[in-house]
PDB file of N, CA and C in Angstrom:
ATOM      1  N   MET A   1      -3.623  24.061   4.989  1.00  0.00           N
ATOM      2  CA  MET A   1      -4.294  23.417   4.714  1.00  0.00           C
ATOM      3  C   MET A   1      -5.113  23.093   3.569  1.00  0.00           C
ATOM      4  N   ARG A   2      -5.890  24.557   3.437  1.00  0.00           N
ATOM      5  CA  ARG A   2      -6.748  24.643   2.056  1.00  0.00           C
ATOM      6  C   ARG A   2      -6.047  24.792   1.163  1.00  0.00           C
ATOM      7  N   SER A   3      -4.389  24.843   0.748  1.00  0.00           N
ATOM      8  CA  SER A   3      -3.825  24.844  -0.633  1.00  0.00           C
ATOM      9  C   SER A   3      -4.038  23.180  -0.719  1.00  0.00           C
ATOM     10  N   LEU A   4      -3.876  22.474  -0.040  1.00  0.00           N
ATOM     11  CA  LEU A   4      -4.241  20.947  -0.440  1.00  0.00           C
ATOM     12  C   LEU A   4      -4.909  20.478  -0.690  1.00  0.00           C
ATOM     13  N   VAL A   5      -5.609  20.998  -0.619  1.00  0.00           N
ATOM     14  CA  VAL A   5      -7.403  20.511  -1.353  1.00  0.00           C
ATOM     15  C   VAL A   5      -7.745  21.769  -3.025  1.00  0.00           C
ATOM     16  N   GLU A   6      -6.912  22.568  -2.376  1.00  0.00           N
ATOM     17  CA  GLU A   6      -6.724  23.306  -3.884  1.00  0.00           C
ATOM     18  C   GLU A   6      -5.812  22.893  -4.916  1.00  0.00           C
ATOM     19  N   LYS A   7      -4.802  21.689  -4.706  1.00  0.00           N
ATOM     20  CA  LYS A   7      -3.946  21.479  -5.233  1.00  0.00           C
ATOM     21  C   LYS A   7      -4.781  20.745  -6.614  1.00  0.00           C
ATOM     22  N   PRO A   8      -4.962  21.221  -7.811  1.00  0.00           N
ATOM     23  CA  PRO A   8      -5.396  19.935  -9.466  1.00  0.00           C
ATOM     24  C   PRO A   8      -4.602  19.005  -9.211  1.00  0.00           C
ATOM     25  N   MET A   9      -5.705  18.185  -9.649  1.00  0.00           N
ATOM     26  CA  MET A   9      -5.573  16.650  -9.981  1.00  0.00           C
ATOM     27  C   MET A   9      -4.702  17.033 -11.465  1.00  0.00           C
ATOM     28  N   PRO A  10      -3.152  15.868 -11.707  1.00  0.00           N
ATOM     29  CA  PRO A  10      -2.926  15.682 -12.977  1.00  0.00           C
ATOM     30  C   PRO A  10      -3.852  15.984 -14.405  1.00  0.00           C
ATOM     31  N   ASP A  11      -4.655  14.588 -14.039  1.00  0.00           N
ATOM     32  CA  ASP A  11      -5.178  14.575 -15.422  1.00  0.00           C
ATOM     33  C   ASP A  11      -6.438  14.863 -14.581  1.00  0.00           C
ATOM     34  N   LYS A  12      -7.742  15.480 -15.844  1.00  0.00           N
ATOM     35  CA  LYS A  12      -8.736  15.413 -14.941  1.00  0.00           C
ATOM     36  C   LYS A  12     -10.051  14.195 -16.178  1.00  0.00           C
ATOM     37  N   LYS A  13      -9.528  13.638 -16.226  1.00  0.00           N
ATOM     38  CA  LYS A  13      -9.917  12.048 -17.432  1.00  0.00           C
ATOM     39  C   LYS A  13     -10.037  10.600 -16.454  1.00  0.00           C
ATOM     40  N   VAL A  14      -9.411  11.097 -15.263  1.00  0.00           N
ATOM     41  CA  VAL A  14      -8.881   9.849 -14.527  1.00  0.00           C
ATOM     42  C   VAL A  14      -9.451  10.262 -12.778  1.00  0.00           C
ATOM     43  N   SER A  15      -9.493   9.260 -12.178  1.00  0.00           N
ATOM     44  CA  SER A  15     -10.328   8.980 -10.948  1.00  0.00           C
ATOM     45  C   SER A  15      -9.134   9.208  -9.956  1.00  0.00           C
ATOM     46  N   ILE A  16     -10.041   9.950  -8.667  1.00  0.00           N
ATOM     47  CA  ILE A  16      -9.394  10.793  -7.797  1.00  0.00           C
ATOM     48  C   ILE A  16      -8.289   9.520  -6.862  1.00  0.00           C
ATOM     49  N   PHE A  17      -9.057   8.249  -7.148  1.00  0.00           N
ATOM     50  CA  PHE A  17      -8.768   6.601  -6.510  1.00  0.00           C
ATOM     51  C   PHE A  17      -7.686   6.130  -7.648  1.00  0.00           C
ATOM     52  N   ASP A  18      -6.997   6.544  -8.520  1.00  0.00           N
ATOM     53  CA  ASP A  18      -5.943   6.707  -9.135  1.00  0.00           C
ATOM     54  C   ASP A  18      -4.467   7.036  -7.982  1.00  0.00           C
ATOM     55  N   PHE A  19      -4.438   7.855  -8.016  1.00  0.00           N
ATOM     56  CA  PHE A  19      -3.752   8.741  -7.287  1.00  0.00           C
ATOM     57  C   PHE A  19      -4.316   8.989  -5.405  1.00  0.00           C
ATOM     58  N   TYR A  20      -2.615   9.332  -4.890  1.00  0.00           N
ATOM     59  CA  TYR A  20      -2.422   9.605  -3.866  1.00  0.00           C
ATOM     60  C   TYR A  20      -1.930  11.101  -3.592  1.00  0.00           C
ATOM     61  N   PHE A  21      -2.375  12.052  -2.037  1.00  0.00           N
ATOM     62  CA  PHE A  21      -1.399  12.598  -2.173  1.00  0.00           C
ATOM     63  C   PHE A  21      -0.029  12.179  -1.121  1.00  0.00           C
ATOM     64  N   ASP A  22       0.956  12.432  -1.627  1.00  0.00           N
ATOM     65  CA  ASP A  22       2.553  12.285  -0.718  1.00  0.00           C
ATOM     66  C   ASP A  22       2.839  13.536  -0.211  1.00  0.00           C
ATOM     67  N   MET A  23       4.093  13.342   0.448  1.00  0.00           N
ATOM     68  CA  MET A  23       4.690  14.315   1.432  1.00  0.00           C
ATOM     69  C   MET A  23       5.098  15.029   0.942  1.00  0.00           C
ATOM     70  N   ARG A  24       5.331  15.156  -0.315  1.00  0.00           N
ATOM     71  CA  ARG A  24       6.157  16.175  -1.743  1.00  0.00           C
ATOM     72  C   ARG A  24       4.842  17.704  -1.554  1.00  0.00           C
ATOM     73  N   ARG A  25       4.139  17.392  -1.359  1.00  0.00           N
ATOM     74  CA  ARG A  25       2.736  17.703  -1.747  1.00  0.00           C
ATOM     75  C   ARG A  25       2.456  17.788  -2.919  1.00  0.00           C
ATOM     76  N   GLU A  26       2.368  17.080  -3.722  1.00  0.00           N
ATOM     77  CA  GLU A  26       2.304  16.666  -5.386  1.00  0.00           C
ATOM     78  C   GLU A  26       1.414  15.172  -5.364  1.00  0.00           C
ATOM     79  N   TRP A  27       0.408  14.992  -6.407  1.00  0.00           N
ATOM     80  CA  TRP A  27      -0.566  13.686  -6.648  1.00  0.00           C
ATOM     81  C   TRP A  27       0.405  13.298  -7.280  1.00  0.00           C
ATOM     82  N   VAL A  28       0.734  11.441  -6.875  1.00  0.00           N
ATOM     83  CA  VAL A  28       1.198  10.550  -7.413  1.00  0.00           C
ATOM     84  C   VAL A  28       0.554   9.327  -7.397  1.00  0.00           C
ATOM     85  N   ASN A  29       0.303   8.840  -9.315  1.00  0.00           N
ATOM     86  CA  ASN A  29      -0.122   8.091  -9.603  1.00  0.00           C
ATOM     87  C   ASN A  29       0.240   6.469  -9.325  1.00  0.00           C
ATOM     88  N   TRP A  30      -0.733   5.913  -8.469  1.00  0.00           N
ATOM     89  CA  TRP A  30      -0.696   4.462  -7.991  1.00  0.00           C
ATOM     90  C   TRP A  30       0.087   3.408  -8.887  1.00  0.00           C
ATOM     91  N   LYS A  31       0.282   3.512 -10.323  1.00  0.00           N
ATOM     92  CA  LYS A  31       0.816   2.495 -11.088  1.00  0.00           C
ATOM     93  C   LYS A  31       2.249   3.260 -11.075  1.00  0.00           C
ATOM     94  N   ASP A  32       2.795   4.205 -10.897  1.00  0.00           N
ATOM     95  CA  ASP A  32       4.418   4.276 -10.782  1.00  0.00           C
ATOM     96  C   ASP A  32       4.670   3.878  -9.553  1.00  0.00           C
ATOM     97  N   GLU A  33       4.057   3.072  -9.191  1.00  0.00           N
ATOM     98  CA  GLU A  33       4.436   3.100  -7.398  1.00  0.00           C
ATOM     99  C   GLU A  33       5.001   1.452  -7.761  1.00  0.00           C
ATOM    100  N   VAL A  34       4.542   0.722  -8.489  1.00  0.00           N
ATOM    101  CA  VAL A  34       4.274  -0.319  -8.616  1.00  0.00           C
ATOM    102  C   VAL A  34       5.667  -1.189  -9.475  1.00  0.00           C
ATOM    103  N   ARG A  35       6.422  -1.852  -8.551  1.00  0.00           N
ATOM    104  CA  ARG A  35       8.084  -2.229  -9.669  1.00  0.00           C
ATOM    105  C   ARG A  35       7.571  -3.560 -10.124  1.00  0.00           C
ATOM    106  N   PRO A  36       8.833  -4.049 -11.374  1.00  0.00           N
ATOM    107  CA  PRO A  36       8.715  -5.205 -11.515  1.00  0.00           C
ATOM    108  C   PRO A  36       8.801  -6.131 -10.857  1.00  0.00           C
ATOM    109  N   TYR A  37       7.893  -7.063 -11.131  1.00  0.00           N
ATOM    110  CA  TYR A  37       7.835  -8.323 -10.714  1.00  0.00           C
ATOM    111  C   TYR A  37       9.261  -9.864 -10.866  1.00  0.00           C
ATOM    112  N   GLU A  38       9.471  -9.753  -9.564  1.00  0.00           N
ATOM    113  CA  GLU A  38      10.709 -10.683  -9.723  1.00  0.00           C
ATOM    114  C   GLU A  38      10.446 -12.298  -8.521  1.00  0.00           C
ATOM    115  N   THR A  39      10.298 -13.094  -9.818  1.00  0.00           N
ATOM    116  CA  THR A  39      10.105 -14.249  -8.859  1.00  0.00           C
ATOM    117  C   THR A  39      11.364 -14.227  -7.692  1.00  0.00           C
ATOM    118  N   PRO A  40      10.790 -14.387  -6.202  1.00  0.00           N
ATOM    119  CA  PRO A  40      11.699 -14.606  -4.827  1.00  0.00           C
ATOM    120  C   PRO A  40      12.071 -16.139  -5.236  1.00  0.00           C
ATOM    121  N   GLU A  41      12.936 -17.095  -4.933  1.00  0.00           N
ATOM    122  CA  GLU A  41      14.142 -18.366  -4.997  1.00  0.00           C
ATOM    123  C   GLU A  41      13.390 -18.675  -3.796  1.00  0.00           C
ATOM    124  N   ASN A  42      13.017 -19.918  -3.482  1.00  0.00           N
ATOM    125  CA  ASN A  42      12.876 -20.491  -2.084  1.00  0.00           C
ATOM    126  C   ASN A  42      11.568 -20.127  -1.248  1.00  0.00           C
ATOM    127  N   THR A  43      10.922 -19.653  -1.884  1.00  0.00           N
ATOM    128  CA  THR A  43       9.896 -19.126  -1.325  1.00  0.00           C
ATOM    129  C   THR A  43       8.245 -19.644  -1.387  1.00  0.00           C
ATOM    130  N   LYS A  44       7.555 -20.201  -0.076  1.00  0.00           N
ATOM    131  CA  LYS A  44       6.293 -20.472  -0.535  1.00  0.00           C
ATOM    132  C   LYS A  44       5.466 -19.815  -1.187  1.00  0.00           C
ATOM    133  N   PHE A  45       4.236 -20.691  -2.159  1.00  0.00           N
ATOM    134  CA  PHE A  45       3.473 -20.537  -2.779  1.00  0.00           C
ATOM    135  C   PHE A  45       2.885 -19.210  -1.884  1.00  0.00           C
ATOM    136  N   SER A  46       2.454 -19.676  -0.955  1.00  0.00           N
ATOM    137  CA  SER A  46       1.316 -19.083  -0.408  1.00  0.00           C
ATOM    138  C   SER A  46       1.840 -17.749   0.159  1.00  0.00           C
ATOM    139  N   LYS A  47       3.354 -17.178   0.079  1.00  0.00           N
ATOM    140  CA  LYS A  47       4.067 -15.825   0.825  1.00  0.00           C
ATOM    141  C   LYS A  47       4.736 -15.074  -0.418  1.00  0.00           C
ATOM    142  N   ILE A  48       4.077 -15.685  -1.158  1.00  0.00           N
ATOM    143  CA  ILE A  48       4.217 -14.894  -3.058  1.00  0.00           C
ATOM    144  C   ILE A  48       3.222 -13.557  -2.894  1.00  0.00           C
ATOM    145  N   LEU A  49       3.857 -12.085  -3.358  1.00  0.00           N
ATOM    146  CA  LEU A  49       2.688 -11.456  -3.008  1.00  0.00           C
ATOM    147  C   LEU A  49       3.264 -10.545  -4.615  1.00  0.00           C
ATOM    148  N   VAL A  50       1.942 -10.368  -5.364  1.00  0.00           N
ATOM    149  CA  VAL A  50       2.842  -9.769  -6.959  1.00  0.00           C
ATOM    150  C   VAL A  50       2.672  -8.477  -6.304  1.00  0.00           C
ATOM    151  N   PRO A  51       3.298  -7.220  -6.755  1.00  0.00           N
ATOM    152  CA  PRO A  51       2.756  -6.255  -7.105  1.00  0.00           C
ATOM    153  C   PRO A  51       1.691  -5.861  -7.715  1.00  0.00           C
ATOM    154  N   THR A  52       0.601  -5.325  -7.625  1.00  0.00           N
ATOM    155  CA  THR A  52      -0.038  -4.669  -8.144  1.00  0.00           C
ATOM    156  C   THR A  52      -0.350  -3.213  -7.749  1.00  0.00           C
ATOM    157  N   ILE A  53      -1.227  -2.685  -8.451  1.00  0.00           N
ATOM    158  CA  ILE A  53      -1.977  -1.124  -8.137  1.00  0.00           C
ATOM    159  C   ILE A  53      -2.357  -1.732  -6.492  1.00  0.00           C
ATOM    160  N   ASP A  54      -3.661  -2.795  -6.628  1.00  0.00           N
ATOM    161  CA  ASP A  54      -3.973  -2.467  -5.555  1.00  0.00           C
ATOM    162  C   ASP A  54      -3.835  -2.989  -3.874  1.00  0.00           C
ATOM    163  N   THR A  55      -2.715  -4.051  -4.309  1.00  0.00           N
ATOM    164  CA  THR A  55      -1.820  -4.516  -3.464  1.00  0.00           C
ATOM    165  C   THR A  55      -0.713  -3.533  -3.147  1.00  0.00           C
ATOM    166  N   LYS A  56      -0.790  -2.640  -3.828  1.00  0.00           N
ATOM    167  CA  LYS A  56       0.215  -1.313  -3.775  1.00  0.00           C
ATOM    168  C   LYS A  56      -0.482   0.015  -2.602  1.00  0.00           C
ATOM    169  N   LYS A  57      -1.874  -0.364  -3.295  1.00  0.00           N
ATOM    170  CA  LYS A  57      -2.620   0.789  -2.014  1.00  0.00           C
ATOM    171  C   LYS A  57      -2.899  -0.398  -0.559  1.00  0.00           C
ATOM    172  N   TYR A  58      -3.246  -1.822  -0.637  1.00  0.00           N
ATOM    173  CA  TYR A  58      -3.647  -2.018   0.528  1.00  0.00           C
ATOM    174  C   TYR A  58      -2.800  -1.822   1.837  1.00  0.00           C
ATOM    175  N   SER A  59      -1.136  -2.217   0.840  1.00  0.00           N
ATOM    176  CA  SER A  59       0.002  -2.102   1.937  1.00  0.00           C
ATOM    177  C   SER A  59       0.210  -0.999   1.931  1.00  0.00           C
ATOM    178  N   TYR A  60       0.164   0.081   1.276  1.00  0.00           N
ATOM    179  CA  TYR A  60       0.169   2.008   2.163  1.00  0.00           C
ATOM    180  C   TYR A  60      -0.668   2.324   3.058  1.00  0.00           C
ATOM    181  N   ILE A  61      -2.190   1.012   3.031  1.00  0.00           N
ATOM    182  CA  ILE A  61      -3.046   1.695   4.034  1.00  0.00           C
ATOM    183  C   ILE A  61      -3.017   1.044   5.072  1.00  0.00           C
ATOM    184  N   LEU A  62      -2.275  -0.238   5.527  1.00  0.00           N
ATOM    185  CA  LEU A  62      -2.052  -1.087   6.015  1.00  0.00           C
ATOM    186  C   LEU A  62      -0.482  -0.025   7.144  1.00  0.00           C
ATOM    187  N   ASP A  63       0.197   0.075   5.977  1.00  0.00           N
ATOM    188  CA  ASP A  63       0.920   1.034   6.791  1.00  0.00           C
ATOM    189  C   ASP A  63       0.790   2.128   7.589  1.00  0.00           C
ATOM    190  N   LEU A  64      -0.034   2.827   6.990  1.00  0.00           N
ATOM    191  CA  LEU A  64      -0.430   4.111   7.309  1.00  0.00           C
ATOM    192  C   LEU A  64      -1.347   3.831   9.104  1.00  0.00           C
ATOM    193  N   MET A  65      -2.078   2.745   9.078  1.00  0.00           N
ATOM    194  CA  MET A  65      -2.730   2.430  10.502  1.00  0.00           C
ATOM    195  C   MET A  65      -2.363   1.695  11.585  1.00  0.00           C
ATOM    196  N   ILE A  66      -0.713   1.468  10.612  1.00  0.00           N
ATOM    197  CA  ILE A  66      -0.319   0.128  11.924  1.00  0.00           C
ATOM    198  C   ILE A  66       0.119   1.793  12.577  1.00  0.00           C
ATOM    199  N   LYS A  67       1.491   2.467  11.775  1.00  0.00           N
ATOM    200  CA  LYS A  67       1.642   3.789  12.435  1.00  0.00           C
ATOM    201  C   LYS A  67       0.886   4.757  13.228  1.00  0.00           C
ATOM    202  N   LEU A  68      -0.606   4.731  12.628  1.00  0.00           N
ATOM    203  CA  LEU A  68      -1.143   5.339  13.165  1.00  0.00           C
ATOM    204  C   LEU A  68      -1.747   4.639  14.986  1.00  0.00           C
ATOM    205  N   LYS A  69      -2.098   3.525  15.007  1.00  0.00           N
ATOM    206  CA  LYS A  69      -1.913   3.175  16.162  1.00  0.00           C
ATOM    207  C   LYS A  69      -3.602   2.534  15.720  1.00  0.00           C
ATOM    208  N   TYR A  70      -3.992   2.851  14.499  1.00  0.00           N
ATOM    209  CA  TYR A  70      -5.644   2.370  14.533  1.00  0.00           C
ATOM    210  C   TYR A  70      -5.742   1.001  14.545  1.00  0.00           C
ATOM    211  N   PRO A  71      -6.946   0.665  14.613  1.00  0.00           N
ATOM    212  CA  PRO A  71      -7.309  -1.162  14.446  1.00  0.00           C
ATOM    213  C   PRO A  71      -7.834  -1.040  13.305  1.00  0.00           C
ATOM    214  N   CYS A  72      -7.581  -2.171  12.462  1.00  0.00           N
ATOM    215  CA  CYS A  72      -7.701  -1.955  10.983  1.00  0.00           C
ATOM    216  C   CYS A  72      -8.309  -3.337   9.921  1.00  0.00           C
ATOM    217  N   MET A  73      -9.570  -3.325   9.661  1.00  0.00           N
ATOM    218  CA  MET A  73      -9.426  -4.809   9.071  1.00  0.00           C
ATOM    219  C   MET A  73      -9.834  -4.819   7.423  1.00  0.00           C
ATOM    220  N   PHE A  74      -9.221  -6.003   7.062  1.00  0.00           N
ATOM    221  CA  PHE A  74      -9.540  -6.244   5.494  1.00  0.00           C
ATOM    222  C   PHE A  74     -10.791  -7.023   5.156  1.00  0.00           C
ATOM    223  N   VAL A  75     -11.477  -6.815   4.332  1.00  0.00           N
ATOM    224  CA  VAL A  75     -12.598  -7.725   3.789  1.00  0.00           C
ATOM    225  C   VAL A  75     -12.494  -7.800   2.134  1.00  0.00           C
ATOM    226  N   GLY A  76     -12.845  -8.617   1.756  1.00  0.00           N
ATOM    227  CA  GLY A  76     -13.040  -9.076   0.155  1.00  0.00           C
ATOM    228  C   GLY A  76     -13.201 -10.112  -0.136  1.00  0.00           C
ATOM    229  N   GLU A  77     -13.548 -10.042  -0.962  1.00  0.00           N
ATOM    230  CA  GLU A  77     -13.774 -11.980  -1.993  1.00  0.00           C
ATOM    231  C   GLU A  77     -11.951 -12.816  -1.491  1.00  0.00           C
ATOM    232  N   SER A  78     -12.156 -14.237  -1.560  1.00  0.00           N
ATOM    233  CA  SER A  78     -10.766 -15.408  -0.850  1.00  0.00           C
ATOM    234  C   SER A  78     -10.424 -14.823  -2.630  1.00  0.00           C
ATOM    235  N   GLY A  79      -9.323 -14.910  -1.807  1.00  0.00           N
ATOM    236  CA  GLY A  79      -7.802 -14.730  -3.368  1.00  0.00           C
ATOM    237  C   GLY A  79      -8.061 -13.664  -3.805  1.00  0.00           C
ATOM    238  N   THR A  80      -7.573 -12.184  -2.772  1.00  0.00           N
ATOM    239  CA  THR A  80      -7.662 -11.091  -3.336  1.00  0.00           C
ATOM    240  C   THR A  80      -6.120 -10.486  -1.939  1.00  0.00           C
ATOM    241  N   ALA A  81      -5.325 -11.252  -2.177  1.00  0.00           N
ATOM    242  CA  ALA A  81      -4.278 -11.475  -1.178  1.00  0.00           C
ATOM    243  C   ALA A  81      -4.691 -10.588  -0.165  1.00  0.00           C
ATOM    244  N   LYS A  82      -5.481 -10.600   0.957  1.00  0.00           N
ATOM    245  CA  LYS A  82      -5.293  -9.996   1.980  1.00  0.00           C
ATOM    246  C   LYS A  82      -4.323 -10.556   3.028  1.00  0.00           C
ATOM    247  N   SER A  83      -5.045 -11.438   3.136  1.00  0.00           N
ATOM    248  CA  SER A  83      -4.062 -12.477   4.367  1.00  0.00           C
ATOM    249  C   SER A  83      -2.134 -12.463   4.286  1.00  0.00           C
ATOM    250  N   VAL A  84      -2.000 -12.166   2.090  1.00  0.00           N
ATOM    251  CA  VAL A  84      -0.551 -12.398   2.311  1.00  0.00           C
ATOM    252  C   VAL A  84       0.280 -10.932   2.656  1.00  0.00           C
ATOM    253  N   ILE A  85      -1.072  -9.650   2.422  1.00  0.00           N
ATOM    254  CA  ILE A  85      -0.020  -8.741   2.355  1.00  0.00           C
ATOM    255  C   ILE A  85      -0.445  -8.468   3.972  1.00  0.00           C
ATOM    256  N   ILE A  86      -0.800  -8.492   4.930  1.00  0.00           N
ATOM    257  CA  ILE A  86      -0.845  -8.408   5.997  1.00  0.00           C
ATOM    258  C   ILE A  86       0.928  -8.853   6.409  1.00  0.00           C
ATOM    259  N   SER A  87       0.590 -10.159   5.900  1.00  0.00           N
ATOM    260  CA  SER A  87       1.656 -11.508   6.127  1.00  0.00           C
ATOM    261  C   SER A  87       3.061 -10.750   6.099  1.00  0.00           C
ATOM    262  N   ASN A  88       3.274 -10.584   5.112  1.00  0.00           N
ATOM    263  CA  ASN A  88       4.153  -9.700   4.655  1.00  0.00           C
ATOM    264  C   ASN A  88       4.915  -8.284   5.537  1.00  0.00           C
ATOM    265  N   TYR A  89       4.088  -7.644   5.449  1.00  0.00           N
ATOM    266  CA  TYR A  89       3.898  -6.596   6.234  1.00  0.00           C
ATOM    267  C   TYR A  89       4.886  -7.042   7.453  1.00  0.00           C
ATOM    268  N   LEU A  90       3.593  -7.384   8.009  1.00  0.00           N
ATOM    269  CA  LEU A  90       4.051  -7.884  10.302  1.00  0.00           C
ATOM    270  C   LEU A  90       5.362  -8.934   9.469  1.00  0.00           C
ATOM    271  N   GLY A  91       5.988  -9.389   8.716  1.00  0.00           N
ATOM    272  CA  GLY A  91       7.125 -10.381   8.267  1.00  0.00           C
ATOM    273  C   GLY A  91       8.390  -9.422   8.471  1.00  0.00           C
ATOM    274  N   ALA A  92       8.294  -8.732   7.552  1.00  0.00           N
ATOM    275  CA  ALA A  92       9.217  -7.271   7.064  1.00  0.00           C
ATOM    276  C   ALA A  92       9.312  -6.625   8.956  1.00  0.00           C
ATOM    277  N   LEU A  93       8.565  -6.365   9.898  1.00  0.00           N
ATOM    278  CA  LEU A  93       8.914  -5.446  10.075  1.00  0.00           C
ATOM    279  C   LEU A  93      10.135  -6.273  11.631  1.00  0.00           C
ATOM    280  N   SER A  94      11.182  -5.785  12.215  1.00  0.00           N
ATOM    281  CA  SER A  94      12.105  -6.041  12.580  1.00  0.00           C
ATOM    282  C   SER A  94      11.789  -5.895  14.419  1.00  0.00           C
ATOM    283  N   ALA A  95      12.055  -6.592  14.856  1.00  0.00           N
ATOM    284  CA  ALA A  95      11.774  -6.359  16.296  1.00  0.00           C
ATOM    285  C   ALA A  95      11.790  -5.054  17.313  1.00  0.00           C
ATOM    286  N   ASP A  96      13.093  -3.816  16.887  1.00  0.00           N
ATOM    287  CA  ASP A  96      13.179  -2.842  17.149  1.00  0.00           C
ATOM    288  C   ASP A  96      12.002  -2.270  16.632  1.00  0.00           C
ATOM    289  N   GLU A  97      11.333  -2.051  15.531  1.00  0.00           N
ATOM    290  CA  GLU A  97      10.824  -1.504  14.707  1.00  0.00           C
ATOM    291  C   GLU A  97       9.373  -1.476  15.652  1.00  0.00           C
ATOM    292  N   TYR A  98       8.849  -2.626  15.703  1.00  0.00           N
ATOM    293  CA  TYR A  98       7.229  -3.383  15.873  1.00  0.00           C
ATOM    294  C   TYR A  98       7.343  -2.986  17.456  1.00  0.00           C
ATOM    295  N   MET A  99       8.641  -2.560  18.074  1.00  0.00           N
ATOM    296  CA  MET A  99       8.312  -2.425  19.910  1.00  0.00           C
ATOM    297  C   MET A  99       7.938  -1.168  20.028  1.00  0.00           C
ATOM    298  N   ARG A 100       8.663  -0.347  18.759  1.00  0.00           N
ATOM    299  CA  ARG A 100       7.851   1.370  18.821  1.00  0.00           C
ATOM    300  C   ARG A 100       6.694   1.939  18.201  1.00  0.00           C
ATOM    301  N   LEU A 101       6.332   0.696  17.759  1.00  0.00           N
ATOM    302  CA  LEU A 101       4.668   0.830  16.986  1.00  0.00           C
ATOM    303  C   LEU A 101       3.607   1.092  18.276  1.00  0.00           C
TER     304      LEU A 101
END
């Protein structure tokens, strides 16, 4: 476990919050996880989630918390996509996957 903590950050000019440590045991920049946005057809405007670094972070944390069966609550200003992130995540779960969680 100590080796995980000692693993250096890729660039010392950035914040630790710009990265996460993945299962391959390396630092990954959040901006590398954001895919180009494609406008979905026939989708309600309130259900559209434009991928950003922040929505990626929040979705990742939500996924971890649900899989670990920890309660969580998103708080923040109006219009920061809290409800849309949670709604999209839950809507993407299959019934079989949901029952295993």
